[in-house]
Amino acid sequence: YTICPECGREHTVDLQEILEGGSAD
């Protein structure tokens, strides 16, 4: 999970999708 930086809501994320971009931190 993470927090949306715009509205502050908690939501799920797909780490694999984020890391596939190659520049994830």
PDBML (XML) file of the C-alpha atoms, coordinates in Angstrom:
<?xml version="1.0" encoding="UTF-8" ?>
<PDBx:datablock datablockName="MODEL"
   xmlns:PDBx="http://pdbml.pdb.org/schema/pdbx-v50.xsd"
   xmlns:xsi="http://www.w3.org/2001/XMLSchema-instance"
   xsi:schemaLocation="http://pdbml.pdb.org/schema/pdbx-v50.xsd pdbx-v50.xsd">
   <PDBx:atom_siteCategory>
      <PDBx:atom_site id="1">
         <PDBx:B_iso_or_equiv>0.00</PDBx:B_iso_or_equiv>
         <PDBx:Cartn_x>0.000</PDBx:Cartn_x>
         <PDBx:Cartn_y>0.000</PDBx:Cartn_y>
         <PDBx:Cartn_z>0.000</PDBx:Cartn_z>
         <PDBx:auth_asym_id>A</PDBx:auth_asym_id>
         <PDBx:auth_atom_id>CA</PDBx:auth_atom_id>
         <PDBx:auth_comp_id>TYR</PDBx:auth_comp_id>
         <PDBx:auth_seq_id>1</PDBx:auth_seq_id>
         <PDBx:group_PDB>ATOM</PDBx:group_PDB>
         <PDBx:label_alt_id xsi:nil="true" />
         <PDBx:label_asym_id>A</PDBx:label_asym_id>
         <PDBx:label_atom_id>CA</PDBx:label_atom_id>
         <PDBx:label_comp_id>TYR</PDBx:label_comp_id>
         <PDBx:label_entity_id>1</PDBx:label_entity_id>
         <PDBx:label_seq_id>1</PDBx:label_seq_id>
         <PDBx:occupancy>1.00</PDBx:occupancy>
         <PDBx:pdbx_PDB_model_num>1</PDBx:pdbx_PDB_model_num>
         <PDBx:type_symbol>C</PDBx:type_symbol>
      </PDBx:atom_site>
      <PDBx:atom_site id="2">
         <PDBx:B_iso_or_equiv>0.00</PDBx:B_iso_or_equiv>
         <PDBx:Cartn_x>0.930</PDBx:Cartn_x>
         <PDBx:Cartn_y>3.628</PDBx:Cartn_y>
         <PDBx:Cartn_z>-0.350</PDBx:Cartn_z>
         <PDBx:auth_asym_id>A</PDBx:auth_asym_id>
         <PDBx:auth_atom_id>CA</PDBx:auth_atom_id>
         <PDBx:auth_comp_id>THR</PDBx:auth_comp_id>
         <PDBx:auth_seq_id>2</PDBx:auth_seq_id>
         <PDBx:group_PDB>ATOM</PDBx:group_PDB>
         <PDBx:label_alt_id xsi:nil="true" />
         <PDBx:label_asym_id>A</PDBx:label_asym_id>
         <PDBx:label_atom_id>CA</PDBx:label_atom_id>
         <PDBx:label_comp_id>THR</PDBx:label_comp_id>
         <PDBx:label_entity_id>1</PDBx:label_entity_id>
         <PDBx:label_seq_id>2</PDBx:label_seq_id>
         <PDBx:occupancy>1.00</PDBx:occupancy>
         <PDBx:pdbx_PDB_model_num>1</PDBx:pdbx_PDB_model_num>
         <PDBx:type_symbol>C</PDBx:type_symbol>
      </PDBx:atom_site>
      <PDBx:atom_site id="3">
         <PDBx:B_iso_or_equiv>0.00</PDBx:B_iso_or_equiv>
         <PDBx:Cartn_x>-0.632</PDBx:Cartn_x>
         <PDBx:Cartn_y>7.032</PDBx:Cartn_y>
         <PDBx:Cartn_z>0.274</PDBx:Cartn_z>
         <PDBx:auth_asym_id>A</PDBx:auth_asym_id>
         <PDBx:auth_atom_id>CA</PDBx:auth_atom_id>
         <PDBx:auth_comp_id>ILE</PDBx:auth_comp_id>
         <PDBx:auth_seq_id>3</PDBx:auth_seq_id>
         <PDBx:group_PDB>ATOM</PDBx:group_PDB>
         <PDBx:label_alt_id xsi:nil="true" />
         <PDBx:label_asym_id>A</PDBx:label_asym_id>
         <PDBx:label_atom_id>CA</PDBx:label_atom_id>
         <PDBx:label_comp_id>ILE</PDBx:label_comp_id>
         <PDBx:label_entity_id>1</PDBx:label_entity_id>
         <PDBx:label_seq_id>3</PDBx:label_seq_id>
         <PDBx:occupancy>1.00</PDBx:occupancy>
         <PDBx:pdbx_PDB_model_num>1</PDBx:pdbx_PDB_model_num>
         <PDBx:type_symbol>C</PDBx:type_symbol>
      </PDBx:atom_site>
      <PDBx:atom_site id="4">
         <PDBx:B_iso_or_equiv>0.00</PDBx:B_iso_or_equiv>
         <PDBx:Cartn_x>-1.746</PDBx:Cartn_x>
         <PDBx:Cartn_y>9.125</PDBx:Cartn_y>
         <PDBx:Cartn_z>-2.701</PDBx:Cartn_z>
         <PDBx:auth_asym_id>A</PDBx:auth_asym_id>
         <PDBx:auth_atom_id>CA</PDBx:auth_atom_id>
         <PDBx:auth_comp_id>CYS</PDBx:auth_comp_id>
         <PDBx:auth_seq_id>4</PDBx:auth_seq_id>
         <PDBx:group_PDB>ATOM</PDBx:group_PDB>
         <PDBx:label_alt_id xsi:nil="true" />
         <PDBx:label_asym_id>A</PDBx:label_asym_id>
         <PDBx:label_atom_id>CA</PDBx:label_atom_id>
         <PDBx:label_comp_id>CYS</PDBx:label_comp_id>
         <PDBx:label_entity_id>1</PDBx:label_entity_id>
         <PDBx:label_seq_id>4</PDBx:label_seq_id>
         <PDBx:occupancy>1.00</PDBx:occupancy>
         <PDBx:pdbx_PDB_model_num>1</PDBx:pdbx_PDB_model_num>
         <PDBx:type_symbol>C</PDBx:type_symbol>
      </PDBx:atom_site>
      <PDBx:atom_site id="5">
         <PDBx:B_iso_or_equiv>0.00</PDBx:B_iso_or_equiv>
         <PDBx:Cartn_x>0.296</PDBx:Cartn_x>
         <PDBx:Cartn_y>12.350</PDBx:Cartn_y>
         <PDBx:Cartn_z>-2.647</PDBx:Cartn_z>
         <PDBx:auth_asym_id>A</PDBx:auth_asym_id>
         <PDBx:auth_atom_id>CA</PDBx:auth_atom_id>
         <PDBx:auth_comp_id>PRO</PDBx:auth_comp_id>
         <PDBx:auth_seq_id>5</PDBx:auth_seq_id>
         <PDBx:group_PDB>ATOM</PDBx:group_PDB>
         <PDBx:label_alt_id xsi:nil="true" />
         <PDBx:label_asym_id>A</PDBx:label_asym_id>
         <PDBx:label_atom_id>CA</PDBx:label_atom_id>
         <PDBx:label_comp_id>PRO</PDBx:label_comp_id>
         <PDBx:label_entity_id>1</PDBx:label_entity_id>
         <PDBx:label_seq_id>5</PDBx:label_seq_id>
         <PDBx:occupancy>1.00</PDBx:occupancy>
         <PDBx:pdbx_PDB_model_num>1</PDBx:pdbx_PDB_model_num>
         <PDBx:type_symbol>C</PDBx:type_symbol>
      </PDBx:atom_site>
      <PDBx:atom_site id="6">
         <PDBx:B_iso_or_equiv>0.00</PDBx:B_iso_or_equiv>
         <PDBx:Cartn_x>-2.665</PDBx:Cartn_x>
         <PDBx:Cartn_y>14.271</PDBx:Cartn_y>
         <PDBx:Cartn_z>-4.077</PDBx:Cartn_z>
         <PDBx:auth_asym_id>A</PDBx:auth_asym_id>
         <PDBx:auth_atom_id>CA</PDBx:auth_atom_id>
         <PDBx:auth_comp_id>GLU</PDBx:auth_comp_id>
         <PDBx:auth_seq_id>6</PDBx:auth_seq_id>
         <PDBx:group_PDB>ATOM</PDBx:group_PDB>
         <PDBx:label_alt_id xsi:nil="true" />
         <PDBx:label_asym_id>A</PDBx:label_asym_id>
         <PDBx:label_atom_id>CA</PDBx:label_atom_id>
         <PDBx:label_comp_id>GLU</PDBx:label_comp_id>
         <PDBx:label_entity_id>1</PDBx:label_entity_id>
         <PDBx:label_seq_id>6</PDBx:label_seq_id>
         <PDBx:occupancy>1.00</PDBx:occupancy>
         <PDBx:pdbx_PDB_model_num>1</PDBx:pdbx_PDB_model_num>
         <PDBx:type_symbol>C</PDBx:type_symbol>
      </PDBx:atom_site>
      <PDBx:atom_site id="7">
         <PDBx:B_iso_or_equiv>0.00</PDBx:B_iso_or_equiv>
         <PDBx:Cartn_x>-5.618</PDBx:Cartn_x>
         <PDBx:Cartn_y>13.292</PDBx:Cartn_y>
         <PDBx:Cartn_z>-1.865</PDBx:Cartn_z>
         <PDBx:auth_asym_id>A</PDBx:auth_asym_id>
         <PDBx:auth_atom_id>CA</PDBx:auth_atom_id>
         <PDBx:auth_comp_id>CYS</PDBx:auth_comp_id>
         <PDBx:auth_seq_id>7</PDBx:auth_seq_id>
         <PDBx:group_PDB>ATOM</PDBx:group_PDB>
         <PDBx:label_alt_id xsi:nil="true" />
         <PDBx:label_asym_id>A</PDBx:label_asym_id>
         <PDBx:label_atom_id>CA</PDBx:label_atom_id>
         <PDBx:label_comp_id>CYS</PDBx:label_comp_id>
         <PDBx:label_entity_id>1</PDBx:label_entity_id>
         <PDBx:label_seq_id>7</PDBx:label_seq_id>
         <PDBx:occupancy>1.00</PDBx:occupancy>
         <PDBx:pdbx_PDB_model_num>1</PDBx:pdbx_PDB_model_num>
         <PDBx:type_symbol>C</PDBx:type_symbol>
      </PDBx:atom_site>
      <PDBx:atom_site id="8">
         <PDBx:B_iso_or_equiv>0.00</PDBx:B_iso_or_equiv>
         <PDBx:Cartn_x>-3.969</PDBx:Cartn_x>
         <PDBx:Cartn_y>11.357</PDBx:Cartn_y>
         <PDBx:Cartn_z>0.979</PDBx:Cartn_z>
         <PDBx:auth_asym_id>A</PDBx:auth_asym_id>
         <PDBx:auth_atom_id>CA</PDBx:auth_atom_id>
         <PDBx:auth_comp_id>GLY</PDBx:auth_comp_id>
         <PDBx:auth_seq_id>8</PDBx:auth_seq_id>
         <PDBx:group_PDB>ATOM</PDBx:group_PDB>
         <PDBx:label_alt_id xsi:nil="true" />
         <PDBx:label_asym_id>A</PDBx:label_asym_id>
         <PDBx:label_atom_id>CA</PDBx:label_atom_id>
         <PDBx:label_comp_id>GLY</PDBx:label_comp_id>
         <PDBx:label_entity_id>1</PDBx:label_entity_id>
         <PDBx:label_seq_id>8</PDBx:label_seq_id>
         <PDBx:occupancy>1.00</PDBx:occupancy>
         <PDBx:pdbx_PDB_model_num>1</PDBx:pdbx_PDB_model_num>
         <PDBx:type_symbol>C</PDBx:type_symbol>
      </PDBx:atom_site>
      <PDBx:atom_site id="9">
         <PDBx:B_iso_or_equiv>0.00</PDBx:B_iso_or_equiv>
         <PDBx:Cartn_x>-5.995</PDBx:Cartn_x>
         <PDBx:Cartn_y>8.161</PDBx:Cartn_y>
         <PDBx:Cartn_z>0.480</PDBx:Cartn_z>
         <PDBx:auth_asym_id>A</PDBx:auth_asym_id>
         <PDBx:auth_atom_id>CA</PDBx:auth_atom_id>
         <PDBx:auth_comp_id>ARG</PDBx:auth_comp_id>
         <PDBx:auth_seq_id>9</PDBx:auth_seq_id>
         <PDBx:group_PDB>ATOM</PDBx:group_PDB>
         <PDBx:label_alt_id xsi:nil="true" />
         <PDBx:label_asym_id>A</PDBx:label_asym_id>
         <PDBx:label_atom_id>CA</PDBx:label_atom_id>
         <PDBx:label_comp_id>ARG</PDBx:label_comp_id>
         <PDBx:label_entity_id>1</PDBx:label_entity_id>
         <PDBx:label_seq_id>9</PDBx:label_seq_id>
         <PDBx:occupancy>1.00</PDBx:occupancy>
         <PDBx:pdbx_PDB_model_num>1</PDBx:pdbx_PDB_model_num>
         <PDBx:type_symbol>C</PDBx:type_symbol>
      </PDBx:atom_site>
      <PDBx:atom_site id="10">
         <PDBx:B_iso_or_equiv>0.00</PDBx:B_iso_or_equiv>
         <PDBx:Cartn_x>-4.380</PDBx:Cartn_x>
         <PDBx:Cartn_y>4.809</PDBx:Cartn_y>
         <PDBx:Cartn_z>1.097</PDBx:Cartn_z>
         <PDBx:auth_asym_id>A</PDBx:auth_asym_id>
         <PDBx:auth_atom_id>CA</PDBx:auth_atom_id>
         <PDBx:auth_comp_id>GLU</PDBx:auth_comp_id>
         <PDBx:auth_seq_id>10</PDBx:auth_seq_id>
         <PDBx:group_PDB>ATOM</PDBx:group_PDB>
         <PDBx:label_alt_id xsi:nil="true" />
         <PDBx:label_asym_id>A</PDBx:label_asym_id>
         <PDBx:label_atom_id>CA</PDBx:label_atom_id>
         <PDBx:label_comp_id>GLU</PDBx:label_comp_id>
         <PDBx:label_entity_id>1</PDBx:label_entity_id>
         <PDBx:label_seq_id>10</PDBx:label_seq_id>
         <PDBx:occupancy>1.00</PDBx:occupancy>
         <PDBx:pdbx_PDB_model_num>1</PDBx:pdbx_PDB_model_num>
         <PDBx:type_symbol>C</PDBx:type_symbol>
      </PDBx:atom_site>
      <PDBx:atom_site id="11">
         <PDBx:B_iso_or_equiv>0.00</PDBx:B_iso_or_equiv>
         <PDBx:Cartn_x>-4.440</PDBx:Cartn_x>
         <PDBx:Cartn_y>2.510</PDBx:Cartn_y>
         <PDBx:Cartn_z>-1.934</PDBx:Cartn_z>
         <PDBx:auth_asym_id>A</PDBx:auth_asym_id>
         <PDBx:auth_atom_id>CA</PDBx:auth_atom_id>
         <PDBx:auth_comp_id>HIS</PDBx:auth_comp_id>
         <PDBx:auth_seq_id>11</PDBx:auth_seq_id>
         <PDBx:group_PDB>ATOM</PDBx:group_PDB>
         <PDBx:label_alt_id xsi:nil="true" />
         <PDBx:label_asym_id>A</PDBx:label_asym_id>
         <PDBx:label_atom_id>CA</PDBx:label_atom_id>
         <PDBx:label_comp_id>HIS</PDBx:label_comp_id>
         <PDBx:label_entity_id>1</PDBx:label_entity_id>
         <PDBx:label_seq_id>11</PDBx:label_seq_id>
         <PDBx:occupancy>1.00</PDBx:occupancy>
         <PDBx:pdbx_PDB_model_num>1</PDBx:pdbx_PDB_model_num>
         <PDBx:type_symbol>C</PDBx:type_symbol>
      </PDBx:atom_site>
      <PDBx:atom_site id="12">
         <PDBx:B_iso_or_equiv>0.00</PDBx:B_iso_or_equiv>
         <PDBx:Cartn_x>-2.797</PDBx:Cartn_x>
         <PDBx:Cartn_y>-0.667</PDBx:Cartn_y>
         <PDBx:Cartn_z>-3.158</PDBx:Cartn_z>
         <PDBx:auth_asym_id>A</PDBx:auth_asym_id>
         <PDBx:auth_atom_id>CA</PDBx:auth_atom_id>
         <PDBx:auth_comp_id>THR</PDBx:auth_comp_id>
         <PDBx:auth_seq_id>12</PDBx:auth_seq_id>
         <PDBx:group_PDB>ATOM</PDBx:group_PDB>
         <PDBx:label_alt_id xsi:nil="true" />
         <PDBx:label_asym_id>A</PDBx:label_asym_id>
         <PDBx:label_atom_id>CA</PDBx:label_atom_id>
         <PDBx:label_comp_id>THR</PDBx:label_comp_id>
         <PDBx:label_entity_id>1</PDBx:label_entity_id>
         <PDBx:label_seq_id>12</PDBx:label_seq_id>
         <PDBx:occupancy>1.00</PDBx:occupancy>
         <PDBx:pdbx_PDB_model_num>1</PDBx:pdbx_PDB_model_num>
         <PDBx:type_symbol>C</PDBx:type_symbol>
      </PDBx:atom_site>
      <PDBx:atom_site id="13">
         <PDBx:B_iso_or_equiv>0.00</PDBx:B_iso_or_equiv>
         <PDBx:Cartn_x>0.103</PDBx:Cartn_x>
         <PDBx:Cartn_y>-0.636</PDBx:Cartn_y>
         <PDBx:Cartn_z>-5.589</PDBx:Cartn_z>
         <PDBx:auth_asym_id>A</PDBx:auth_asym_id>
         <PDBx:auth_atom_id>CA</PDBx:auth_atom_id>
         <PDBx:auth_comp_id>VAL</PDBx:auth_comp_id>
         <PDBx:auth_seq_id>13</PDBx:auth_seq_id>
         <PDBx:group_PDB>ATOM</PDBx:group_PDB>
         <PDBx:label_alt_id xsi:nil="true" />
         <PDBx:label_asym_id>A</PDBx:label_asym_id>
         <PDBx:label_atom_id>CA</PDBx:label_atom_id>
         <PDBx:label_comp_id>VAL</PDBx:label_comp_id>
         <PDBx:label_entity_id>1</PDBx:label_entity_id>
         <PDBx:label_seq_id>13</PDBx:label_seq_id>
         <PDBx:occupancy>1.00</PDBx:occupancy>
         <PDBx:pdbx_PDB_model_num>1</PDBx:pdbx_PDB_model_num>
         <PDBx:type_symbol>C</PDBx:type_symbol>
      </PDBx:atom_site>
      <PDBx:atom_site id="14">
         <PDBx:B_iso_or_equiv>0.00</PDBx:B_iso_or_equiv>
         <PDBx:Cartn_x>1.650</PDBx:Cartn_x>
         <PDBx:Cartn_y>-3.269</PDBx:Cartn_y>
         <PDBx:Cartn_z>-7.803</PDBx:Cartn_z>
         <PDBx:auth_asym_id>A</PDBx:auth_asym_id>
         <PDBx:auth_atom_id>CA</PDBx:auth_atom_id>
         <PDBx:auth_comp_id>ASP</PDBx:auth_comp_id>
         <PDBx:auth_seq_id>14</PDBx:auth_seq_id>
         <PDBx:group_PDB>ATOM</PDBx:group_PDB>
         <PDBx:label_alt_id xsi:nil="true" />
         <PDBx:label_asym_id>A</PDBx:label_asym_id>
         <PDBx:label_atom_id>CA</PDBx:label_atom_id>
         <PDBx:label_comp_id>ASP</PDBx:label_comp_id>
         <PDBx:label_entity_id>1</PDBx:label_entity_id>
         <PDBx:label_seq_id>14</PDBx:label_seq_id>
         <PDBx:occupancy>1.00</PDBx:occupancy>
         <PDBx:pdbx_PDB_model_num>1</PDBx:pdbx_PDB_model_num>
         <PDBx:type_symbol>C</PDBx:type_symbol>
      </PDBx:atom_site>
      <PDBx:atom_site id="15">
         <PDBx:B_iso_or_equiv>0.00</PDBx:B_iso_or_equiv>
         <PDBx:Cartn_x>5.361</PDBx:Cartn_x>
         <PDBx:Cartn_y>-3.194</PDBx:Cartn_y>
         <PDBx:Cartn_z>-6.953</PDBx:Cartn_z>
         <PDBx:auth_asym_id>A</PDBx:auth_asym_id>
         <PDBx:auth_atom_id>CA</PDBx:auth_atom_id>
         <PDBx:auth_comp_id>LEU</PDBx:auth_comp_id>
         <PDBx:auth_seq_id>15</PDBx:auth_seq_id>
         <PDBx:group_PDB>ATOM</PDBx:group_PDB>
         <PDBx:label_alt_id xsi:nil="true" />
         <PDBx:label_asym_id>A</PDBx:label_asym_id>
         <PDBx:label_atom_id>CA</PDBx:label_atom_id>
         <PDBx:label_comp_id>LEU</PDBx:label_comp_id>
         <PDBx:label_entity_id>1</PDBx:label_entity_id>
         <PDBx:label_seq_id>15</PDBx:label_seq_id>
         <PDBx:occupancy>1.00</PDBx:occupancy>
         <PDBx:pdbx_PDB_model_num>1</PDBx:pdbx_PDB_model_num>
         <PDBx:type_symbol>C</PDBx:type_symbol>
      </PDBx:atom_site>
      <PDBx:atom_site id="16">
         <PDBx:B_iso_or_equiv>0.00</PDBx:B_iso_or_equiv>
         <PDBx:Cartn_x>6.218</PDBx:Cartn_x>
         <PDBx:Cartn_y>-5.303</PDBx:Cartn_y>
         <PDBx:Cartn_z>-9.974</PDBx:Cartn_z>
         <PDBx:auth_asym_id>A</PDBx:auth_asym_id>
         <PDBx:auth_atom_id>CA</PDBx:auth_atom_id>
         <PDBx:auth_comp_id>GLN</PDBx:auth_comp_id>
         <PDBx:auth_seq_id>16</PDBx:auth_seq_id>
         <PDBx:group_PDB>ATOM</PDBx:group_PDB>
         <PDBx:label_alt_id xsi:nil="true" />
         <PDBx:label_asym_id>A</PDBx:label_asym_id>
         <PDBx:label_atom_id>CA</PDBx:label_atom_id>
         <PDBx:label_comp_id>GLN</PDBx:label_comp_id>
         <PDBx:label_entity_id>1</PDBx:label_entity_id>
         <PDBx:label_seq_id>16</PDBx:label_seq_id>
         <PDBx:occupancy>1.00</PDBx:occupancy>
         <PDBx:pdbx_PDB_model_num>1</PDBx:pdbx_PDB_model_num>
         <PDBx:type_symbol>C</PDBx:type_symbol>
      </PDBx:atom_site>
      <PDBx:atom_site id="17">
         <PDBx:B_iso_or_equiv>0.00</PDBx:B_iso_or_equiv>
         <PDBx:Cartn_x>4.638</PDBx:Cartn_x>
         <PDBx:Cartn_y>-2.729</PDBx:Cartn_y>
         <PDBx:Cartn_z>-12.273</PDBx:Cartn_z>
         <PDBx:auth_asym_id>A</PDBx:auth_asym_id>
         <PDBx:auth_atom_id>CA</PDBx:auth_atom_id>
         <PDBx:auth_comp_id>GLU</PDBx:auth_comp_id>
         <PDBx:auth_seq_id>17</PDBx:auth_seq_id>
         <PDBx:group_PDB>ATOM</PDBx:group_PDB>
         <PDBx:label_alt_id xsi:nil="true" />
         <PDBx:label_asym_id>A</PDBx:label_asym_id>
         <PDBx:label_atom_id>CA</PDBx:label_atom_id>
         <PDBx:label_comp_id>GLU</PDBx:label_comp_id>
         <PDBx:label_entity_id>1</PDBx:label_entity_id>
         <PDBx:label_seq_id>17</PDBx:label_seq_id>
         <PDBx:occupancy>1.00</PDBx:occupancy>
         <PDBx:pdbx_PDB_model_num>1</PDBx:pdbx_PDB_model_num>
         <PDBx:type_symbol>C</PDBx:type_symbol>
      </PDBx:atom_site>
      <PDBx:atom_site id="18">
         <PDBx:B_iso_or_equiv>0.00</PDBx:B_iso_or_equiv>
         <PDBx:Cartn_x>6.495</PDBx:Cartn_x>
         <PDBx:Cartn_y>0.106</PDBx:Cartn_y>
         <PDBx:Cartn_z>-10.544</PDBx:Cartn_z>
         <PDBx:auth_asym_id>A</PDBx:auth_asym_id>
         <PDBx:auth_atom_id>CA</PDBx:auth_atom_id>
         <PDBx:auth_comp_id>ILE</PDBx:auth_comp_id>
         <PDBx:auth_seq_id>18</PDBx:auth_seq_id>
         <PDBx:group_PDB>ATOM</PDBx:group_PDB>
         <PDBx:label_alt_id xsi:nil="true" />
         <PDBx:label_asym_id>A</PDBx:label_asym_id>
         <PDBx:label_atom_id>CA</PDBx:label_atom_id>
         <PDBx:label_comp_id>ILE</PDBx:label_comp_id>
         <PDBx:label_entity_id>1</PDBx:label_entity_id>
         <PDBx:label_seq_id>18</PDBx:label_seq_id>
         <PDBx:occupancy>1.00</PDBx:occupancy>
         <PDBx:pdbx_PDB_model_num>1</PDBx:pdbx_PDB_model_num>
         <PDBx:type_symbol>C</PDBx:type_symbol>
      </PDBx:atom_site>
      <PDBx:atom_site id="19">
         <PDBx:B_iso_or_equiv>0.00</PDBx:B_iso_or_equiv>
         <PDBx:Cartn_x>9.848</PDBx:Cartn_x>
         <PDBx:Cartn_y>-1.689</PDBx:Cartn_y>
         <PDBx:Cartn_z>-10.659</PDBx:Cartn_z>
         <PDBx:auth_asym_id>A</PDBx:auth_asym_id>
         <PDBx:auth_atom_id>CA</PDBx:auth_atom_id>
         <PDBx:auth_comp_id>LEU</PDBx:auth_comp_id>
         <PDBx:auth_seq_id>19</PDBx:auth_seq_id>
         <PDBx:group_PDB>ATOM</PDBx:group_PDB>
         <PDBx:label_alt_id xsi:nil="true" />
         <PDBx:label_asym_id>A</PDBx:label_asym_id>
         <PDBx:label_atom_id>CA</PDBx:label_atom_id>
         <PDBx:label_comp_id>LEU</PDBx:label_comp_id>
         <PDBx:label_entity_id>1</PDBx:label_entity_id>
         <PDBx:label_seq_id>19</PDBx:label_seq_id>
         <PDBx:occupancy>1.00</PDBx:occupancy>
         <PDBx:pdbx_PDB_model_num>1</PDBx:pdbx_PDB_model_num>
         <PDBx:type_symbol>C</PDBx:type_symbol>
      </PDBx:atom_site>
      <PDBx:atom_site id="20">
         <PDBx:B_iso_or_equiv>0.00</PDBx:B_iso_or_equiv>
         <PDBx:Cartn_x>9.463</PDBx:Cartn_x>
         <PDBx:Cartn_y>-2.665</PDBx:Cartn_y>
         <PDBx:Cartn_z>-14.339</PDBx:Cartn_z>
         <PDBx:auth_asym_id>A</PDBx:auth_asym_id>
         <PDBx:auth_atom_id>CA</PDBx:auth_atom_id>
         <PDBx:auth_comp_id>GLU</PDBx:auth_comp_id>
         <PDBx:auth_seq_id>20</PDBx:auth_seq_id>
         <PDBx:group_PDB>ATOM</PDBx:group_PDB>
         <PDBx:label_alt_id xsi:nil="true" />
         <PDBx:label_asym_id>A</PDBx:label_asym_id>
         <PDBx:label_atom_id>CA</PDBx:label_atom_id>
         <PDBx:label_comp_id>GLU</PDBx:label_comp_id>
         <PDBx:label_entity_id>1</PDBx:label_entity_id>
         <PDBx:label_seq_id>20</PDBx:label_seq_id>
         <PDBx:occupancy>1.00</PDBx:occupancy>
         <PDBx:pdbx_PDB_model_num>1</PDBx:pdbx_PDB_model_num>
         <PDBx:type_symbol>C</PDBx:type_symbol>
      </PDBx:atom_site>
      <PDBx:atom_site id="21">
         <PDBx:B_iso_or_equiv>0.00</PDBx:B_iso_or_equiv>
         <PDBx:Cartn_x>10.069</PDBx:Cartn_x>
         <PDBx:Cartn_y>0.943</PDBx:Cartn_y>
         <PDBx:Cartn_z>-15.324</PDBx:Cartn_z>
         <PDBx:auth_asym_id>A</PDBx:auth_asym_id>
         <PDBx:auth_atom_id>CA</PDBx:auth_atom_id>
         <PDBx:auth_comp_id>GLY</PDBx:auth_comp_id>
         <PDBx:auth_seq_id>21</PDBx:auth_seq_id>
         <PDBx:group_PDB>ATOM</PDBx:group_PDB>
         <PDBx:label_alt_id xsi:nil="true" />
         <PDBx:label_asym_id>A</PDBx:label_asym_id>
         <PDBx:label_atom_id>CA</PDBx:label_atom_id>
         <PDBx:label_comp_id>GLY</PDBx:label_comp_id>
         <PDBx:label_entity_id>1</PDBx:label_entity_id>
         <PDBx:label_seq_id>21</PDBx:label_seq_id>
         <PDBx:occupancy>1.00</PDBx:occupancy>
         <PDBx:pdbx_PDB_model_num>1</PDBx:pdbx_PDB_model_num>
         <PDBx:type_symbol>C</PDBx:type_symbol>
      </PDBx:atom_site>
      <PDBx:atom_site id="22">
         <PDBx:B_iso_or_equiv>0.00</PDBx:B_iso_or_equiv>
         <PDBx:Cartn_x>13.673</PDBx:Cartn_x>
         <PDBx:Cartn_y>0.567</PDBx:Cartn_y>
         <PDBx:Cartn_z>-14.202</PDBx:Cartn_z>
         <PDBx:auth_asym_id>A</PDBx:auth_asym_id>
         <PDBx:auth_atom_id>CA</PDBx:auth_atom_id>
         <PDBx:auth_comp_id>GLY</PDBx:auth_comp_id>
         <PDBx:auth_seq_id>22</PDBx:auth_seq_id>
         <PDBx:group_PDB>ATOM</PDBx:group_PDB>
         <PDBx:label_alt_id xsi:nil="true" />
         <PDBx:label_asym_id>A</PDBx:label_asym_id>
         <PDBx:label_atom_id>CA</PDBx:label_atom_id>
         <PDBx:label_comp_id>GLY</PDBx:label_comp_id>
         <PDBx:label_entity_id>1</PDBx:label_entity_id>
         <PDBx:label_seq_id>22</PDBx:label_seq_id>
         <PDBx:occupancy>1.00</PDBx:occupancy>
         <PDBx:pdbx_PDB_model_num>1</PDBx:pdbx_PDB_model_num>
         <PDBx:type_symbol>C</PDBx:type_symbol>
      </PDBx:atom_site>
      <PDBx:atom_site id="23">
         <PDBx:B_iso_or_equiv>0.00</PDBx:B_iso_or_equiv>
         <PDBx:Cartn_x>14.001</PDBx:Cartn_x>
         <PDBx:Cartn_y>3.881</PDBx:Cartn_y>
         <PDBx:Cartn_z>-12.393</PDBx:Cartn_z>
         <PDBx:auth_asym_id>A</PDBx:auth_asym_id>
         <PDBx:auth_atom_id>CA</PDBx:auth_atom_id>
         <PDBx:auth_comp_id>SER</PDBx:auth_comp_id>
         <PDBx:auth_seq_id>23</PDBx:auth_seq_id>
         <PDBx:group_PDB>ATOM</PDBx:group_PDB>
         <PDBx:label_alt_id xsi:nil="true" />
         <PDBx:label_asym_id>A</PDBx:label_asym_id>
         <PDBx:label_atom_id>CA</PDBx:label_atom_id>
         <PDBx:label_comp_id>SER</PDBx:label_comp_id>
         <PDBx:label_entity_id>1</PDBx:label_entity_id>
         <PDBx:label_seq_id>23</PDBx:label_seq_id>
         <PDBx:occupancy>1.00</PDBx:occupancy>
         <PDBx:pdbx_PDB_model_num>1</PDBx:pdbx_PDB_model_num>
         <PDBx:type_symbol>C</PDBx:type_symbol>
      </PDBx:atom_site>
      <PDBx:atom_site id="24">
         <PDBx:B_iso_or_equiv>0.00</PDBx:B_iso_or_equiv>
         <PDBx:Cartn_x>11.908</PDBx:Cartn_x>
         <PDBx:Cartn_y>3.202</PDBx:Cartn_y>
         <PDBx:Cartn_z>-9.306</PDBx:Cartn_z>
         <PDBx:auth_asym_id>A</PDBx:auth_asym_id>
         <PDBx:auth_atom_id>CA</PDBx:auth_atom_id>
         <PDBx:auth_comp_id>ALA</PDBx:auth_comp_id>
         <PDBx:auth_seq_id>24</PDBx:auth_seq_id>
         <PDBx:group_PDB>ATOM</PDBx:group_PDB>
         <PDBx:label_alt_id xsi:nil="true" />
         <PDBx:label_asym_id>A</PDBx:label_asym_id>
         <PDBx:label_atom_id>CA</PDBx:label_atom_id>
         <PDBx:label_comp_id>ALA</PDBx:label_comp_id>
         <PDBx:label_entity_id>1</PDBx:label_entity_id>
         <PDBx:label_seq_id>24</PDBx:label_seq_id>
         <PDBx:occupancy>1.00</PDBx:occupancy>
         <PDBx:pdbx_PDB_model_num>1</PDBx:pdbx_PDB_model_num>
         <PDBx:type_symbol>C</PDBx:type_symbol>
      </PDBx:atom_site>
      <PDBx:atom_site id="25">
         <PDBx:B_iso_or_equiv>0.00</PDBx:B_iso_or_equiv>
         <PDBx:Cartn_x>13.097</PDBx:Cartn_x>
         <PDBx:Cartn_y>4.396</PDBx:Cartn_y>
         <PDBx:Cartn_z>-5.941</PDBx:Cartn_z>
         <PDBx:auth_asym_id>A</PDBx:auth_asym_id>
         <PDBx:auth_atom_id>CA</PDBx:auth_atom_id>
         <PDBx:auth_comp_id>ASP</PDBx:auth_comp_id>
         <PDBx:auth_seq_id>25</PDBx:auth_seq_id>
         <PDBx:group_PDB>ATOM</PDBx:group_PDB>
         <PDBx:label_alt_id xsi:nil="true" />
         <PDBx:label_asym_id>A</PDBx:label_asym_id>
         <PDBx:label_atom_id>CA</PDBx:label_atom_id>
         <PDBx:label_comp_id>ASP</PDBx:label_comp_id>
         <PDBx:label_entity_id>1</PDBx:label_entity_id>
         <PDBx:label_seq_id>25</PDBx:label_seq_id>
         <PDBx:occupancy>1.00</PDBx:occupancy>
         <PDBx:pdbx_PDB_model_num>1</PDBx:pdbx_PDB_model_num>
         <PDBx:type_symbol>C</PDBx:type_symbol>
      </PDBx:atom_site>
   </PDBx:atom_siteCategory>
</PDBx:datablock>
